[in-house]
Amino acid sequence: MTTTARLRNAHQAVADKRKDFHFKTANELLLKAKVIAHVDAERRAGGKLKY
């Protein structure tokens, strides 16, 4: 296995773990919450946010 392939696999493993963590955390929050609200911060700022 080349160095590039090993690096690609390592990055993919980290990405998969991060995605799994976010999925599990979001599901836990949704199961516990009675109300879920989403605020579009850019819309509230009148489009003045810079990224």
PDB file of N, CA and C in Angstrom:
ATOM      1  N   MET A   1       0.856  -1.181   0.000  1.00  0.00           N
ATOM      2  CA  MET A   1       0.000   0.000   0.000  1.00  0.00           C
ATOM      3  C   MET A   1       0.896   1.236   0.000  1.00  0.00           C
ATOM      4  N   THR A   2       0.586   2.163  -0.861  1.00  0.00           N
ATOM      5  CA  THR A   2       1.406   3.361  -0.960  1.00  0.00           C
ATOM      6  C   THR A   2       1.087   4.326   0.169  1.00  0.00           C
ATOM      7  N   THR A   3       1.967   5.285   0.335  1.00  0.00           N
ATOM      8  CA  THR A   3       1.780   6.292   1.370  1.00  0.00           C
ATOM      9  C   THR A   3       0.507   7.093   1.116  1.00  0.00           C
ATOM     10  N   THR A   4       0.249   7.402  -0.141  1.00  0.00           N
ATOM     11  CA  THR A   4      -0.951   8.155  -0.498  1.00  0.00           C
ATOM     12  C   THR A   4      -2.211   7.382  -0.128  1.00  0.00           C
ATOM     13  N   ALA A   5      -2.218   6.102  -0.391  1.00  0.00           N
ATOM     14  CA  ALA A   5      -3.382   5.270  -0.066  1.00  0.00           C
ATOM     15  C   ALA A   5      -3.585   5.184   1.443  1.00  0.00           C
ATOM     16  N   ARG A   6      -2.497   5.060   2.189  1.00  0.00           N
ATOM     17  CA  ARG A   6      -2.616   5.005   3.652  1.00  0.00           C
ATOM     18  C   ARG A   6      -3.153   6.318   4.208  1.00  0.00           C
ATOM     19  N   LEU A   7      -2.661   7.416   3.658  1.00  0.00           N
ATOM     20  CA  LEU A   7      -3.130   8.721   4.106  1.00  0.00           C
ATOM     21  C   LEU A   7      -4.605   8.908   3.772  1.00  0.00           C
ATOM     22  N   ARG A   8      -5.001   8.505   2.577  1.00  0.00           N
ATOM     23  CA  ARG A   8      -6.403   8.592   2.159  1.00  0.00           C
ATOM     24  C   ARG A   8      -7.290   7.769   3.099  1.00  0.00           C
ATOM     25  N   ASN A   9      -6.845   6.579   3.446  1.00  0.00           N
ATOM     26  CA  ASN A   9      -7.620   5.718   4.353  1.00  0.00           C
ATOM     27  C   ASN A   9      -7.719   6.328   5.745  1.00  0.00           C
ATOM     28  N   ALA A  10      -6.635   6.943   6.214  1.00  0.00           N
ATOM     29  CA  ALA A  10      -6.649   7.572   7.534  1.00  0.00           C
ATOM     30  C   ALA A  10      -7.618   8.748   7.551  1.00  0.00           C
ATOM     31  N   HIS A  11      -7.591   9.565   6.504  1.00  0.00           N
ATOM     32  CA  HIS A  11      -8.510  10.695   6.421  1.00  0.00           C
ATOM     33  C   HIS A  11      -9.959  10.210   6.348  1.00  0.00           C
ATOM     34  N   GLN A  12     -10.204   9.162   5.601  1.00  0.00           N
ATOM     35  CA  GLN A  12     -11.556   8.618   5.473  1.00  0.00           C
ATOM     36  C   GLN A  12     -12.043   8.069   6.807  1.00  0.00           C
ATOM     37  N   ALA A  13     -11.159   7.429   7.563  1.00  0.00           N
ATOM     38  CA  ALA A  13     -11.533   6.886   8.868  1.00  0.00           C
ATOM     39  C   ALA A  13     -11.936   8.007   9.821  1.00  0.00           C
ATOM     40  N   VAL A  14     -11.173   9.095   9.819  1.00  0.00           N
ATOM     41  CA  VAL A  14     -11.505  10.233  10.681  1.00  0.00           C
ATOM     42  C   VAL A  14     -12.827  10.854  10.247  1.00  0.00           C
ATOM     43  N   ALA A  15     -13.023  11.017   8.947  1.00  0.00           N
ATOM     44  CA  ALA A  15     -14.271  11.588   8.434  1.00  0.00           C
ATOM     45  C   ALA A  15     -15.465  10.716   8.815  1.00  0.00           C
ATOM     46  N   ASP A  16     -15.308   9.405   8.713  1.00  0.00           N
ATOM     47  CA  ASP A  16     -16.392   8.487   9.075  1.00  0.00           C
ATOM     48  C   ASP A  16     -16.730   8.579  10.555  1.00  0.00           C
ATOM     49  N   LYS A  17     -15.699   8.668  11.414  1.00  0.00           N
ATOM     50  CA  LYS A  17     -15.934   8.770  12.858  1.00  0.00           C
ATOM     51  C   LYS A  17     -16.629  10.077  13.198  1.00  0.00           C
ATOM     52  N   ARG A  18     -16.211  11.166  12.543  1.00  0.00           N
ATOM     53  CA  ARG A  18     -16.826  12.472  12.791  1.00  0.00           C
ATOM     54  C   ARG A  18     -18.291  12.453  12.358  1.00  0.00           C
ATOM     55  N   LYS A  19     -18.556  11.887  11.193  1.00  0.00           N
ATOM     56  CA  LYS A  19     -19.920  11.816  10.677  1.00  0.00           C
ATOM     57  C   LYS A  19     -20.796  10.973  11.608  1.00  0.00           C
ATOM     58  N   ASP A  20     -20.261   9.860  12.099  1.00  0.00           N
ATOM     59  CA  ASP A  20     -21.002   8.986  13.014  1.00  0.00           C
ATOM     60  C   ASP A  20     -21.308   9.707  14.321  1.00  0.00           C
ATOM     61  N   PHE A  21     -20.316  10.443  14.845  1.00  0.00           N
ATOM     62  CA  PHE A  21     -20.521  11.193  16.085  1.00  0.00           C
ATOM     63  C   PHE A  21     -21.632  12.222  15.907  1.00  0.00           C
ATOM     64  N   HIS A  22     -21.599  12.986  14.816  1.00  0.00           N
ATOM     65  CA  HIS A  22     -22.616  14.010  14.575  1.00  0.00           C
ATOM     66  C   HIS A  22     -23.994  13.380  14.412  1.00  0.00           C
ATOM     67  N   PHE A  23     -24.070  12.259  13.709  1.00  0.00           N
ATOM     68  CA  PHE A  23     -25.343  11.565  13.514  1.00  0.00           C
ATOM     69  C   PHE A  23     -25.913  11.110  14.852  1.00  0.00           C
ATOM     70  N   LYS A  24     -25.088  10.480  15.678  1.00  0.00           N
ATOM     71  CA  LYS A  24     -25.554   9.975  16.973  1.00  0.00           C
ATOM     72  C   LYS A  24     -25.947  11.113  17.908  1.00  0.00           C
ATOM     73  N   THR A  25     -25.173  12.199  17.905  1.00  0.00           N
ATOM     74  CA  THR A  25     -25.481  13.342  18.759  1.00  0.00           C
ATOM     75  C   THR A  25     -26.791  13.992  18.344  1.00  0.00           C
ATOM     76  N   ALA A  26     -26.984  14.182  17.045  1.00  0.00           N
ATOM     77  CA  ALA A  26     -28.225  14.792  16.550  1.00  0.00           C
ATOM     78  C   ALA A  26     -29.425  13.918  16.889  1.00  0.00           C
ATOM     79  N   ASN A  27     -29.302  12.627  16.723  1.00  0.00           N
ATOM     80  CA  ASN A  27     -30.414  11.729  17.046  1.00  0.00           C
ATOM     81  C   ASN A  27     -30.746  11.757  18.526  1.00  0.00           C
ATOM     82  N   GLU A  28     -29.720  11.803  19.370  1.00  0.00           N
ATOM     83  CA  GLU A  28     -29.952  11.856  20.812  1.00  0.00           C
ATOM     84  C   GLU A  28     -30.672  13.154  21.189  1.00  0.00           C
ATOM     85  N   LEU A  29     -30.241  14.258  20.596  1.00  0.00           N
ATOM     86  CA  LEU A  29     -30.903  15.536  20.879  1.00  0.00           C
ATOM     87  C   LEU A  29     -32.350  15.520  20.410  1.00  0.00           C
ATOM     88  N   LEU A  30     -32.602  14.960  19.244  1.00  0.00           N
ATOM     89  CA  LEU A  30     -33.957  14.913  18.715  1.00  0.00           C
ATOM     90  C   LEU A  30     -34.871  14.033  19.567  1.00  0.00           C
ATOM     91  N   LEU A  31     -34.331  12.956  20.100  1.00  0.00           N
ATOM     92  CA  LEU A  31     -35.138  12.072  20.940  1.00  0.00           C
ATOM     93  C   LEU A  31     -35.478  12.719  22.280  1.00  0.00           C
ATOM     94  N   LYS A  32     -34.579  13.548  22.803  1.00  0.00           N
ATOM     95  CA  LYS A  32     -34.781  14.155  24.119  1.00  0.00           C
ATOM     96  C   LYS A  32     -35.586  15.445  24.066  1.00  0.00           C
ATOM     97  N   ALA A  33     -35.551  16.135  22.951  1.00  0.00           N
ATOM     98  CA  ALA A  33     -36.154  17.471  22.862  1.00  0.00           C
ATOM     99  C   ALA A  33     -37.648  17.404  22.582  1.00  0.00           C
ATOM    100  N   LYS A  34     -38.363  18.386  23.110  1.00  0.00           N
ATOM    101  CA  LYS A  34     -39.781  18.527  22.805  1.00  0.00           C
ATOM    102  C   LYS A  34     -39.974  19.495  21.646  1.00  0.00           C
ATOM    103  N   VAL A  35     -39.072  20.466  21.538  1.00  0.00           N
ATOM    104  CA  VAL A  35     -39.155  21.468  20.474  1.00  0.00           C
ATOM    105  C   VAL A  35     -37.775  21.640  19.866  1.00  0.00           C
ATOM    106  N   ILE A  36     -37.740  21.686  18.553  1.00  0.00           N
ATOM    107  CA  ILE A  36     -36.488  21.938  17.828  1.00  0.00           C
ATOM    108  C   ILE A  36     -36.695  23.210  17.021  1.00  0.00           C
ATOM    109  N   ALA A  37     -35.771  24.174  17.169  1.00  0.00           N
ATOM    110  CA  ALA A  37     -35.869  25.434  16.429  1.00  0.00           C
ATOM    111  C   ALA A  37     -34.585  25.650  15.635  1.00  0.00           C
ATOM    112  N   HIS A  38     -34.744  26.209  14.460  1.00  0.00           N
ATOM    113  CA  HIS A  38     -33.599  26.505  13.604  1.00  0.00           C
ATOM    114  C   HIS A  38     -33.654  27.979  13.236  1.00  0.00           C
ATOM    115  N   VAL A  39     -32.533  28.663  13.422  1.00  0.00           N
ATOM    116  CA  VAL A  39     -32.480  30.081  13.115  1.00  0.00           C
ATOM    117  C   VAL A  39     -31.462  30.288  12.002  1.00  0.00           C
ATOM    118  N   ASP A  40     -31.881  31.001  10.980  1.00  0.00           N
ATOM    119  CA  ASP A  40     -30.967  31.341   9.898  1.00  0.00           C
ATOM    120  C   ASP A  40     -30.247  32.621  10.300  1.00  0.00           C
ATOM    121  N   ALA A  41     -29.027  32.493  10.815  1.00  0.00           N
ATOM    122  CA  ALA A  41     -28.291  33.631  11.350  1.00  0.00           C
ATOM    123  C   ALA A  41     -28.015  34.679  10.277  1.00  0.00           C
ATOM    124  N   GLU A  42     -27.735  34.251   9.070  1.00  0.00           N
ATOM    125  CA  GLU A  42     -27.452  35.213   8.007  1.00  0.00           C
ATOM    126  C   GLU A  42     -28.688  36.043   7.679  1.00  0.00           C
ATOM    127  N   ARG A  43     -29.832  35.407   7.675  1.00  0.00           N
ATOM    128  CA  ARG A  43     -31.073  36.123   7.389  1.00  0.00           C
ATOM    129  C   ARG A  43     -31.365  37.141   8.487  1.00  0.00           C
ATOM    130  N   ARG A  44     -31.129  36.755   9.734  1.00  0.00           N
ATOM    131  CA  ARG A  44     -31.369  37.672  10.853  1.00  0.00           C
ATOM    132  C   ARG A  44     -30.396  38.835  10.824  1.00  0.00           C
ATOM    133  N   ALA A  45     -29.192  38.619  10.297  1.00  0.00           N
ATOM    134  CA  ALA A  45     -28.185  39.683  10.216  1.00  0.00           C
ATOM    135  C   ALA A  45     -28.381  40.547   8.980  1.00  0.00           C
ATOM    136  N   GLY A  46     -29.384  40.242   8.186  1.00  0.00           N
ATOM    137  CA  GLY A  46     -29.659  41.022   6.994  1.00  0.00           C
ATOM    138  C   GLY A  46     -28.641  40.793   5.900  1.00  0.00           C
ATOM    139  N   GLY A  47     -28.038  39.607   5.883  1.00  0.00           N
ATOM    140  CA  GLY A  47     -27.059  39.275   4.840  1.00  0.00           C
ATOM    141  C   GLY A  47     -25.709  39.933   5.059  1.00  0.00           C
ATOM    142  N   LYS A  48     -25.430  40.402   6.278  1.00  0.00           N
ATOM    143  CA  LYS A  48     -24.185  41.116   6.547  1.00  0.00           C
ATOM    144  C   LYS A  48     -23.061  40.193   7.034  1.00  0.00           C
ATOM    145  N   LEU A  49     -23.349  38.906   7.208  1.00  0.00           N
ATOM    146  CA  LEU A  49     -22.312  37.983   7.683  1.00  0.00           C
ATOM    147  C   LEU A  49     -21.314  37.697   6.582  1.00  0.00           C
ATOM    148  N   LYS A  50     -20.066  37.622   6.946  1.00  0.00           N
ATOM    149  CA  LYS A  50     -18.995  37.297   5.985  1.00  0.00           C
ATOM    150  C   LYS A  50     -18.423  35.936   6.361  1.00  0.00           C
ATOM    151  N   TYR A  51     -18.149  35.126   5.365  1.00  0.00           N
ATOM    152  CA  TYR A  51     -17.605  33.797   5.629  1.00  0.00           C
ATOM    153  C   TYR A  51     -16.168  33.737   5.283  1.00  0.00           C
TER     154      TYR A  51
END
